[in-house]
Structures are given as structure tokens and as C-alpha cells.
Amino acid sequence: MKNLITAGALALALATTASLTLTTAAIAGESGAVYKTGDVTIVSPWARATAGKPRNGGAYLTIKGGTGNDELTGVESDVAKKTQLHGHRHEKGVMKMHRVDGIEIPAGGMVMLKPGGHHVMLMKLKQALKEGGSFPLTLQFAKAGKVTVEVQIKGVGAMNAGAHAGHGKMKMKK
């Protein structure tokens, strides 16, 4: 009987560990990093490499909400002179970027910052973003606080989180 109870406890522990591992892998994707602050989870921060003389760039990531609503209220990075949260909207048939004060993170929900949607805008880059490199980005949440993530720089044409073209043909509103 003792052996049966021990075997059952061991099986339950292994199943729980396997479930947590699979859940983390599903959230992170195949190679994405996972960060946590409060009960908010940040997954797979990435940016595109910049070609030629860099002016602006974008950073993208996925945020999973915790037990309560939260809001991404700010971003900071030393790679650019100005770092802002941006969104996109269609105006008269043209997609335009615009600054947003915050991005709502619903309880238990998921928000993707991706090309063609909400994203981190890196304005007046201090140097080119080179494929294979990385840089720190600090995210500020209203409830969960601050967390610094390491943004992985992918190729110039990377589209990991979306299906729209990059910043090149979009008009930016200040």
C-alpha cells in the first residue's frame, strides 16, 4: 500500500511538472524568452534589424495578463533617443501610426505587440540594430510594476508576430 501511495504521488508530481513545462513552452513558442513581473508574463521580445543608416525601429512582444486587469503604461530603452508605445489605425485608406498612452492588459487575456498593431516605437536610434544582437527594454505596468526584458534582434524582414509590412511606408503621427 505504501508503495502504491508513493508511486501515485510521484506520478502526480511528474504530471504537474510536465504540464507546467508544456504550458511555458506553449506560451514562449519554440525559442522565446519568458519574463514575469507581478502576475503579468512577457514572452518573446524581439525587434527587426535595421538596414542602412538607422532612424527608427520597432520592438514586439506578447503580454499575458494575470488575475486582474493591468495596463502597459510606458517603455524605456537606451538604444533610441525616444521610446514610445504606438498603435495603428486606418485613415482614408492609409495605415498610420500614432502614440498611445497605454495598452490595456485584460485579466487572463493576451495582448500581442506586433507589426501592424500595437508596438514599441524606437525613435532616433543611436546605432543600427544588428541581427543576432540584443538590447534591454524596460516595461512599466500600472499594477505589476517595472520589468526589464532582453529584446532579441532578428532579420530585417522578420515577421514573427504579424502579417503587415514594417514601418517604412507608414505615416507617423506625433
N, C-alpha and C. Protein backbone atom coordinates (compact mmCIF):
# COMPACT_ATOMS: atom_id res chain seq x y z
N MET A 1 0.82 -1.19 0.00
CA MET A 1 0.00 0.00 0.00
C MET A 1 0.87 1.25 0.00
N LYS A 2 1.95 1.23 0.83
CA LYS A 2 2.86 2.36 0.89
C LYS A 2 3.48 2.65 -0.47
N ASN A 3 3.89 1.58 -1.16
CA ASN A 3 4.50 1.73 -2.48
C ASN A 3 3.50 2.30 -3.49
N LEU A 4 2.24 1.91 -3.38
CA LEU A 4 1.20 2.41 -4.28
C LEU A 4 0.98 3.91 -4.06
N ILE A 5 0.94 4.36 -2.81
CA ILE A 5 0.77 5.78 -2.48
C ILE A 5 1.98 6.57 -2.98
N THR A 6 3.18 6.04 -2.74
CA THR A 6 4.41 6.71 -3.20
C THR A 6 4.42 6.81 -4.73
N ALA A 7 4.05 5.73 -5.41
CA ALA A 7 4.02 5.73 -6.87
C ALA A 7 2.99 6.74 -7.38
N GLY A 8 1.85 6.81 -6.73
CA GLY A 8 0.81 7.77 -7.13
C GLY A 8 1.27 9.20 -6.94
N ALA A 9 1.93 9.49 -5.82
CA ALA A 9 2.44 10.84 -5.56
C ALA A 9 3.51 11.21 -6.58
N LEU A 10 4.38 10.27 -6.89
CA LEU A 10 5.43 10.51 -7.89
C LEU A 10 4.82 10.77 -9.27
N ALA A 11 3.82 10.00 -9.63
CA ALA A 11 3.16 10.19 -10.93
C ALA A 11 2.49 11.56 -10.99
N LEU A 12 1.85 11.98 -9.91
CA LEU A 12 1.21 13.29 -9.86
C LEU A 12 2.23 14.41 -9.97
N ALA A 13 3.35 14.28 -9.28
CA ALA A 13 4.41 15.29 -9.35
C ALA A 13 4.98 15.39 -10.76
N LEU A 14 5.22 14.26 -11.40
CA LEU A 14 5.74 14.25 -12.77
C LEU A 14 4.74 14.85 -13.75
N ALA A 15 3.47 14.54 -13.58
CA ALA A 15 2.43 15.08 -14.47
C ALA A 15 2.33 16.59 -14.32
N THR A 16 2.41 17.07 -13.08
CA THR A 16 2.35 18.52 -12.82
C THR A 16 3.54 19.22 -13.45
N THR A 17 4.74 18.66 -13.28
CA THR A 17 5.95 19.23 -13.87
C THR A 17 5.86 19.25 -15.39
N ALA A 18 5.40 18.16 -15.98
CA ALA A 18 5.26 18.09 -17.43
C ALA A 18 4.25 19.11 -17.93
N SER A 19 3.14 19.26 -17.20
CA SER A 19 2.11 20.23 -17.57
C SER A 19 2.66 21.65 -17.52
N LEU A 20 3.39 21.99 -16.47
CA LEU A 20 3.97 23.33 -16.35
C LEU A 20 4.98 23.58 -17.46
N THR A 21 5.79 22.57 -17.78
CA THR A 21 6.79 22.70 -18.84
C THR A 21 6.10 22.92 -20.18
N LEU A 22 5.05 22.15 -20.46
CA LEU A 22 4.34 22.30 -21.73
C LEU A 22 3.65 23.66 -21.80
N THR A 23 3.07 24.12 -20.68
CA THR A 23 2.41 25.43 -20.67
C THR A 23 3.42 26.53 -20.94
N THR A 24 4.57 26.50 -20.28
CA THR A 24 5.61 27.51 -20.51
C THR A 24 6.08 27.46 -21.95
N ALA A 25 6.28 26.27 -22.49
CA ALA A 25 6.73 26.15 -23.88
C ALA A 25 5.67 26.68 -24.83
N ALA A 26 4.40 26.43 -24.55
CA ALA A 26 3.33 26.91 -25.42
C ALA A 26 3.26 28.43 -25.39
N ILE A 27 3.43 29.02 -24.20
CA ILE A 27 3.41 30.47 -24.09
C ILE A 27 4.61 31.06 -24.81
N ALA A 28 5.78 30.48 -24.62
CA ALA A 28 7.02 31.06 -25.12
C ALA A 28 7.26 30.79 -26.60
N GLY A 29 6.61 29.81 -27.16
CA GLY A 29 6.94 29.44 -28.53
C GLY A 29 8.19 28.58 -28.49
N GLU A 30 8.77 28.31 -29.63
CA GLU A 30 9.90 27.40 -29.68
C GLU A 30 11.14 27.94 -29.00
N SER A 31 11.43 29.24 -29.17
CA SER A 31 12.71 29.73 -28.65
C SER A 31 12.57 31.03 -27.87
N GLY A 32 11.36 31.39 -27.47
CA GLY A 32 11.15 32.69 -26.84
C GLY A 32 11.49 32.72 -25.37
N ALA A 33 11.99 33.87 -24.94
CA ALA A 33 12.27 34.08 -23.54
C ALA A 33 10.98 34.46 -22.82
N VAL A 34 10.89 34.14 -21.53
CA VAL A 34 9.73 34.43 -20.72
C VAL A 34 10.18 35.26 -19.51
N TYR A 35 9.48 36.38 -19.27
CA TYR A 35 9.75 37.27 -18.14
C TYR A 35 8.47 37.45 -17.36
N LYS A 36 8.60 37.75 -16.06
CA LYS A 36 7.43 37.91 -15.22
C LYS A 36 7.62 39.09 -14.29
N THR A 37 6.55 39.88 -14.11
CA THR A 37 6.51 40.92 -13.09
C THR A 37 5.11 40.91 -12.52
N GLY A 38 4.99 40.91 -11.21
CA GLY A 38 3.67 40.75 -10.61
C GLY A 38 3.06 39.48 -11.16
N ASP A 39 1.81 39.57 -11.63
CA ASP A 39 1.22 38.38 -12.25
C ASP A 39 1.06 38.54 -13.77
N VAL A 40 1.90 39.41 -14.36
CA VAL A 40 1.93 39.61 -15.80
C VAL A 40 3.15 38.86 -16.37
N THR A 41 2.96 38.18 -17.48
CA THR A 41 4.03 37.43 -18.14
C THR A 41 4.33 38.06 -19.50
N ILE A 42 5.61 38.27 -19.78
CA ILE A 42 6.06 38.84 -21.06
C ILE A 42 6.81 37.74 -21.80
N VAL A 43 6.47 37.55 -23.06
CA VAL A 43 7.01 36.44 -23.83
C VAL A 43 7.66 36.93 -25.13
N SER A 44 8.82 36.40 -25.44
CA SER A 44 9.50 36.53 -26.72
C SER A 44 9.67 37.96 -27.24
N PRO A 45 10.31 38.85 -26.50
CA PRO A 45 10.55 40.20 -27.04
C PRO A 45 11.54 40.14 -28.20
N TRP A 46 11.21 40.84 -29.30
CA TRP A 46 12.07 40.82 -30.48
C TRP A 46 11.95 42.14 -31.24
N ALA A 47 12.92 42.40 -32.09
CA ALA A 47 12.94 43.57 -32.95
C ALA A 47 13.55 43.16 -34.28
N ARG A 48 13.28 43.97 -35.30
CA ARG A 48 13.89 43.76 -36.61
C ARG A 48 15.23 44.47 -36.66
N ALA A 49 16.17 43.87 -37.36
CA ALA A 49 17.43 44.55 -37.65
C ALA A 49 17.12 45.75 -38.54
N THR A 50 17.93 46.78 -38.45
CA THR A 50 17.74 47.97 -39.28
C THR A 50 18.78 47.98 -40.39
N ALA A 51 18.34 48.33 -41.59
CA ALA A 51 19.23 48.38 -42.74
C ALA A 51 19.68 49.81 -42.99
N GLY A 52 20.89 49.98 -43.48
CA GLY A 52 21.38 51.31 -43.81
C GLY A 52 21.54 52.17 -42.56
N LYS A 53 21.44 53.48 -42.75
CA LYS A 53 21.54 54.40 -41.62
C LYS A 53 20.22 54.34 -40.85
N PRO A 54 20.25 53.88 -39.61
CA PRO A 54 19.00 53.68 -38.87
C PRO A 54 18.39 55.00 -38.39
N ARG A 55 17.07 55.08 -38.50
CA ARG A 55 16.34 56.21 -37.94
C ARG A 55 15.42 55.72 -36.83
N ASN A 56 14.53 54.82 -37.21
CA ASN A 56 13.54 54.30 -36.26
C ASN A 56 13.50 52.78 -36.33
N GLY A 57 12.97 52.19 -35.29
CA GLY A 57 12.79 50.76 -35.25
C GLY A 57 11.58 50.43 -34.39
N GLY A 58 11.25 49.17 -34.33
CA GLY A 58 10.12 48.73 -33.52
C GLY A 58 10.50 47.50 -32.72
N ALA A 59 9.88 47.34 -31.57
CA ALA A 59 10.06 46.15 -30.75
C ALA A 59 8.68 45.53 -30.52
N TYR A 60 8.66 44.21 -30.44
CA TYR A 60 7.41 43.47 -30.38
C TYR A 60 7.52 42.40 -29.28
N LEU A 61 6.38 42.02 -28.71
CA LEU A 61 6.36 41.01 -27.66
C LEU A 61 4.93 40.62 -27.38
N THR A 62 4.75 39.60 -26.59
CA THR A 62 3.43 39.16 -26.17
C THR A 62 3.33 39.31 -24.66
N ILE A 63 2.18 39.82 -24.20
CA ILE A 63 1.94 40.01 -22.77
C ILE A 63 0.72 39.19 -22.38
N LYS A 64 0.87 38.35 -21.36
CA LYS A 64 -0.24 37.56 -20.84
C LYS A 64 -0.66 38.15 -19.51
N GLY A 65 -1.94 38.50 -19.42
CA GLY A 65 -2.49 39.09 -18.21
C GLY A 65 -2.58 38.08 -17.08
N GLY A 66 -2.57 38.59 -15.87
CA GLY A 66 -2.69 37.75 -14.68
C GLY A 66 -4.12 37.67 -14.20
N THR A 67 -4.31 37.68 -12.89
CA THR A 67 -5.63 37.50 -12.31
C THR A 67 -6.48 38.77 -12.38
N GLY A 68 -5.85 39.92 -12.52
CA GLY A 68 -6.59 41.18 -12.63
C GLY A 68 -6.15 41.96 -13.85
N ASN A 69 -6.96 42.95 -14.22
CA ASN A 69 -6.59 43.81 -15.35
C ASN A 69 -5.35 44.62 -15.00
N ASP A 70 -4.58 44.98 -16.01
CA ASP A 70 -3.40 45.83 -15.83
C ASP A 70 -3.27 46.68 -17.10
N GLU A 71 -2.25 47.51 -17.13
CA GLU A 71 -2.03 48.35 -18.30
C GLU A 71 -0.54 48.59 -18.47
N LEU A 72 -0.05 48.41 -19.69
CA LEU A 72 1.32 48.78 -20.03
C LEU A 72 1.29 50.29 -20.23
N THR A 73 2.00 51.02 -19.37
CA THR A 73 1.90 52.49 -19.39
C THR A 73 3.14 53.18 -19.91
N GLY A 74 4.26 52.46 -20.05
CA GLY A 74 5.46 53.11 -20.53
C GLY A 74 6.54 52.13 -20.90
N VAL A 75 7.51 52.63 -21.67
CA VAL A 75 8.65 51.84 -22.11
C VAL A 75 9.88 52.73 -22.12
N GLU A 76 11.04 52.13 -21.86
CA GLU A 76 12.31 52.86 -21.87
C GLU A 76 13.39 51.98 -22.46
N SER A 77 14.29 52.59 -23.24
CA SER A 77 15.45 51.88 -23.76
C SER A 77 16.53 52.88 -24.13
N ASP A 78 17.77 52.51 -23.89
CA ASP A 78 18.90 53.36 -24.22
C ASP A 78 19.31 53.28 -25.69
N VAL A 79 18.69 52.39 -26.49
CA VAL A 79 19.09 52.26 -27.89
C VAL A 79 18.54 53.39 -28.77
N ALA A 80 17.57 54.15 -28.24
CA ALA A 80 16.95 55.23 -29.01
C ALA A 80 16.82 56.47 -28.14
N LYS A 81 16.77 57.63 -28.81
CA LYS A 81 16.59 58.89 -28.07
C LYS A 81 15.20 58.98 -27.47
N LYS A 82 14.20 58.35 -28.12
CA LYS A 82 12.83 58.39 -27.63
C LYS A 82 12.22 57.00 -27.81
N THR A 83 11.54 56.52 -26.79
CA THR A 83 10.88 55.21 -26.84
C THR A 83 9.42 55.41 -26.43
N GLN A 84 8.49 54.97 -27.28
CA GLN A 84 7.07 55.20 -27.04
C GLN A 84 6.25 53.96 -27.37
N LEU A 85 5.04 53.91 -26.81
CA LEU A 85 4.05 52.92 -27.20
C LEU A 85 3.28 53.49 -28.39
N HIS A 86 3.09 52.67 -29.42
CA HIS A 86 2.39 53.11 -30.62
C HIS A 86 1.32 52.12 -31.02
N GLY A 87 0.34 52.62 -31.74
CA GLY A 87 -0.71 51.80 -32.33
C GLY A 87 -0.84 52.17 -33.80
N HIS A 88 -1.73 51.50 -34.49
CA HIS A 88 -2.01 51.78 -35.91
C HIS A 88 -3.50 51.99 -36.08
N ARG A 89 -3.86 52.80 -37.05
CA ARG A 89 -5.26 52.94 -37.43
C ARG A 89 -5.32 53.31 -38.91
N HIS A 90 -6.44 52.95 -39.53
CA HIS A 90 -6.65 53.31 -40.94
C HIS A 90 -7.36 54.66 -40.99
N GLU A 91 -6.81 55.57 -41.77
CA GLU A 91 -7.43 56.88 -42.01
C GLU A 91 -7.45 57.11 -43.51
N LYS A 92 -8.66 57.16 -44.07
CA LYS A 92 -8.83 57.42 -45.50
C LYS A 92 -8.00 56.46 -46.36
N GLY A 93 -8.03 55.19 -45.98
CA GLY A 93 -7.35 54.16 -46.76
C GLY A 93 -5.86 54.04 -46.51
N VAL A 94 -5.32 54.83 -45.58
CA VAL A 94 -3.89 54.78 -45.29
C VAL A 94 -3.69 54.36 -43.83
N MET A 95 -2.79 53.40 -43.62
CA MET A 95 -2.49 52.99 -42.26
C MET A 95 -1.50 53.99 -41.66
N LYS A 96 -1.84 54.52 -40.48
CA LYS A 96 -0.98 55.50 -39.82
C LYS A 96 -0.68 55.05 -38.40
N MET A 97 0.55 55.32 -37.99
CA MET A 97 0.94 55.06 -36.61
C MET A 97 0.59 56.26 -35.75
N HIS A 98 0.33 56.00 -34.49
CA HIS A 98 0.08 57.08 -33.55
C HIS A 98 0.50 56.64 -32.15
N ARG A 99 0.92 57.59 -31.36
CA ARG A 99 1.34 57.32 -29.98
C ARG A 99 0.11 56.99 -29.14
N VAL A 100 0.26 56.03 -28.23
CA VAL A 100 -0.80 55.70 -27.27
C VAL A 100 -0.23 55.85 -25.87
N ASP A 101 -1.09 56.26 -24.93
CA ASP A 101 -0.65 56.45 -23.55
C ASP A 101 -0.50 55.13 -22.80
N GLY A 102 -1.24 54.13 -23.21
CA GLY A 102 -1.18 52.84 -22.54
C GLY A 102 -1.85 51.76 -23.37
N ILE A 103 -1.57 50.52 -22.99
CA ILE A 103 -2.17 49.36 -23.66
C ILE A 103 -2.78 48.49 -22.56
N GLU A 104 -4.10 48.31 -22.63
CA GLU A 104 -4.82 47.51 -21.64
C GLU A 104 -4.43 46.04 -21.74
N ILE A 105 -4.19 45.44 -20.57
CA ILE A 105 -3.90 44.01 -20.49
C ILE A 105 -5.03 43.37 -19.69
N PRO A 106 -5.96 42.68 -20.35
CA PRO A 106 -7.10 42.12 -19.63
C PRO A 106 -6.70 40.93 -18.75
N ALA A 107 -7.40 40.77 -17.65
CA ALA A 107 -7.16 39.64 -16.75
C ALA A 107 -7.29 38.34 -17.54
N GLY A 108 -6.27 37.51 -17.44
CA GLY A 108 -6.28 36.21 -18.12
C GLY A 108 -6.19 36.29 -19.64
N GLY A 109 -6.10 37.50 -20.19
CA GLY A 109 -6.04 37.67 -21.63
C GLY A 109 -4.62 37.75 -22.14
N MET A 110 -4.50 37.92 -23.45
CA MET A 110 -3.19 38.02 -24.06
C MET A 110 -3.21 39.17 -25.07
N VAL A 111 -2.16 39.99 -25.04
CA VAL A 111 -2.02 41.10 -25.97
C VAL A 111 -0.71 40.92 -26.72
N MET A 112 -0.79 40.98 -28.05
CA MET A 112 0.42 40.86 -28.87
C MET A 112 0.81 42.23 -29.40
N LEU A 113 2.01 42.67 -29.08
CA LEU A 113 2.58 43.85 -29.71
C LEU A 113 3.28 43.31 -30.95
N LYS A 114 2.80 43.72 -32.13
CA LYS A 114 3.26 43.10 -33.37
C LYS A 114 3.28 44.11 -34.51
N PRO A 115 3.99 43.80 -35.59
CA PRO A 115 3.96 44.68 -36.75
C PRO A 115 2.52 44.87 -37.22
N GLY A 116 2.16 46.11 -37.50
CA GLY A 116 0.81 46.40 -37.96
C GLY A 116 -0.19 46.60 -36.84
N GLY A 117 0.26 46.52 -35.60
CA GLY A 117 -0.61 46.68 -34.44
C GLY A 117 0.10 47.50 -33.38
N HIS A 118 -0.30 47.31 -32.14
CA HIS A 118 0.44 47.97 -31.06
C HIS A 118 1.88 47.48 -31.07
N HIS A 119 2.81 48.39 -30.75
CA HIS A 119 4.22 48.03 -30.72
C HIS A 119 4.99 49.09 -29.93
N VAL A 120 6.26 48.81 -29.66
CA VAL A 120 7.16 49.77 -29.05
C VAL A 120 7.89 50.46 -30.18
N MET A 121 7.80 51.78 -30.23
CA MET A 121 8.48 52.56 -31.26
C MET A 121 9.79 53.07 -30.70
N LEU A 122 10.88 52.78 -31.41
CA LEU A 122 12.23 53.22 -31.05
C LEU A 122 12.59 54.34 -32.02
N MET A 123 12.56 55.57 -31.54
CA MET A 123 12.74 56.73 -32.42
C MET A 123 14.13 57.32 -32.27
N LYS A 124 14.72 57.67 -33.42
CA LYS A 124 16.08 58.21 -33.47
C LYS A 124 17.06 57.24 -32.82
N LEU A 125 17.17 56.06 -33.43
CA LEU A 125 18.10 55.04 -32.94
C LEU A 125 19.51 55.61 -32.84
N LYS A 126 20.23 55.24 -31.81
CA LYS A 126 21.60 55.71 -31.60
C LYS A 126 22.59 54.93 -32.45
N GLN A 127 22.21 53.71 -32.83
CA GLN A 127 23.04 52.87 -33.69
C GLN A 127 22.14 51.84 -34.35
N ALA A 128 22.65 51.19 -35.37
CA ALA A 128 21.88 50.18 -36.09
C ALA A 128 21.57 49.00 -35.16
N LEU A 129 20.41 48.39 -35.38
CA LEU A 129 20.06 47.15 -34.69
C LEU A 129 20.54 46.02 -35.57
N LYS A 130 21.52 45.25 -35.09
CA LYS A 130 22.16 44.21 -35.90
C LYS A 130 21.61 42.83 -35.56
N GLU A 131 21.27 42.11 -36.62
CA GLU A 131 20.73 40.76 -36.45
C GLU A 131 21.65 39.92 -35.56
N GLY A 132 21.04 39.20 -34.63
CA GLY A 132 21.78 38.36 -33.70
C GLY A 132 22.12 39.06 -32.40
N GLY A 133 22.00 40.38 -32.38
CA GLY A 133 22.27 41.15 -31.17
C GLY A 133 21.03 41.22 -30.28
N SER A 134 21.14 42.02 -29.24
CA SER A 134 20.00 42.22 -28.34
C SER A 134 20.19 43.55 -27.62
N PHE A 135 19.12 44.00 -26.97
CA PHE A 135 19.19 45.21 -26.16
C PHE A 135 18.13 45.15 -25.07
N PRO A 136 18.37 45.85 -23.95
CA PRO A 136 17.39 45.84 -22.86
C PRO A 136 16.25 46.83 -23.14
N LEU A 137 15.07 46.46 -22.72
CA LEU A 137 13.87 47.29 -22.82
C LEU A 137 13.13 47.17 -21.49
N THR A 138 12.84 48.31 -20.88
CA THR A 138 12.13 48.30 -19.61
C THR A 138 10.66 48.63 -19.86
N LEU A 139 9.79 47.77 -19.35
CA LEU A 139 8.35 47.93 -19.48
C LEU A 139 7.79 48.37 -18.14
N GLN A 140 6.87 49.34 -18.14
CA GLN A 140 6.23 49.82 -16.92
C GLN A 140 4.75 49.48 -16.97
N PHE A 141 4.30 48.73 -15.97
CA PHE A 141 2.89 48.37 -15.86
C PHE A 141 2.26 49.14 -14.70
N ALA A 142 1.00 49.50 -14.82
CA ALA A 142 0.31 50.26 -13.78
C ALA A 142 0.28 49.52 -12.45
N LYS A 143 0.02 48.22 -12.48
CA LYS A 143 -0.09 47.44 -11.23
C LYS A 143 1.12 46.53 -11.00
N ALA A 144 1.60 45.90 -12.04
CA ALA A 144 2.67 44.89 -11.89
C ALA A 144 4.05 45.52 -11.74
N GLY A 145 4.20 46.82 -12.01
CA GLY A 145 5.49 47.48 -11.84
C GLY A 145 6.37 47.37 -13.07
N LYS A 146 7.67 47.53 -12.84
CA LYS A 146 8.65 47.54 -13.93
C LYS A 146 9.32 46.18 -14.09
N VAL A 147 9.68 45.90 -15.34
CA VAL A 147 10.48 44.72 -15.64
C VAL A 147 11.34 45.05 -16.86
N THR A 148 12.60 44.62 -16.82
CA THR A 148 13.49 44.80 -17.96
C THR A 148 13.62 43.47 -18.68
N VAL A 149 13.37 43.49 -19.99
CA VAL A 149 13.46 42.30 -20.82
C VAL A 149 14.59 42.48 -21.82
N GLU A 150 15.10 41.40 -22.34
CA GLU A 150 16.16 41.44 -23.34
C GLU A 150 15.53 41.18 -24.71
N VAL A 151 15.59 42.18 -25.59
CA VAL A 151 14.97 42.11 -26.91
C VAL A 151 15.97 41.49 -27.89
N GLN A 152 15.59 40.39 -28.52
CA GLN A 152 16.43 39.71 -29.50
C GLN A 152 16.23 40.35 -30.87
N ILE A 153 17.31 40.66 -31.56
CA ILE A 153 17.22 41.30 -32.87
C ILE A 153 17.25 40.23 -33.96
N LYS A 154 16.17 40.19 -34.74
CA LYS A 154 16.02 39.21 -35.83
C LYS A 154 16.34 39.89 -37.15
N GLY A 155 16.17 39.20 -38.25
CA GLY A 155 16.49 39.73 -39.57
C GLY A 155 15.63 40.93 -39.96
N VAL A 156 16.09 41.66 -40.98
CA VAL A 156 15.40 42.87 -41.45
C VAL A 156 13.95 42.58 -41.82
N GLY A 157 13.69 41.45 -42.45
CA GLY A 157 12.34 41.11 -42.90
C GLY A 157 11.54 40.26 -41.94
N ALA A 158 11.99 40.10 -40.71
CA ALA A 158 11.31 39.23 -39.74
C ALA A 158 9.86 39.66 -39.55
N MET A 159 8.98 38.69 -39.51
CA MET A 159 7.54 38.95 -39.32
C MET A 159 6.99 38.01 -38.26
N ASN A 160 7.76 37.66 -37.26
CA ASN A 160 7.39 36.65 -36.28
C ASN A 160 6.02 36.82 -35.65
N ALA A 161 5.60 38.07 -35.43
CA ALA A 161 4.36 38.25 -34.68
C ALA A 161 3.25 38.90 -35.49
N GLY A 162 3.39 39.04 -36.78
CA GLY A 162 2.34 39.72 -37.52
C GLY A 162 2.44 39.48 -39.00
N ALA A 163 1.52 40.10 -39.74
CA ALA A 163 1.47 39.87 -41.17
C ALA A 163 1.54 41.15 -41.99
N HIS A 164 1.89 42.27 -41.38
CA HIS A 164 1.95 43.54 -42.10
C HIS A 164 3.38 43.94 -42.36
N ALA A 165 3.60 44.80 -43.32
CA ALA A 165 4.93 45.32 -43.61
C ALA A 165 5.39 46.20 -42.47
N GLY A 166 6.66 46.51 -42.47
CA GLY A 166 7.25 47.31 -41.39
C GLY A 166 6.89 48.77 -41.44
N HIS A 167 7.70 49.58 -40.79
CA HIS A 167 7.43 51.00 -40.62
C HIS A 167 7.71 51.82 -41.87
N GLY A 168 8.35 51.25 -42.86
CA GLY A 168 8.83 52.00 -43.99
C GLY A 168 7.79 52.82 -44.76
N LYS A 169 6.58 52.31 -44.96
CA LYS A 169 5.60 53.00 -45.80
C LYS A 169 4.46 53.60 -44.98
N MET A 170 4.61 53.67 -43.67
CA MET A 170 3.55 54.19 -42.84
C MET A 170 3.85 55.61 -42.41
N LYS A 171 2.80 56.40 -42.33
CA LYS A 171 2.97 57.77 -41.85
C LYS A 171 2.81 57.77 -40.35
N MET A 172 3.67 58.50 -39.67
CA MET A 172 3.66 58.54 -38.23
C MET A 172 3.05 59.84 -37.75
N LYS A 173 2.11 59.74 -36.80
CA LYS A 173 1.54 60.92 -36.17
C LYS A 173 2.19 61.09 -34.81
N LYS A 174 2.50 62.31 -34.45
CA LYS A 174 3.18 62.55 -33.18
C LYS A 174 2.21 62.81 -32.07
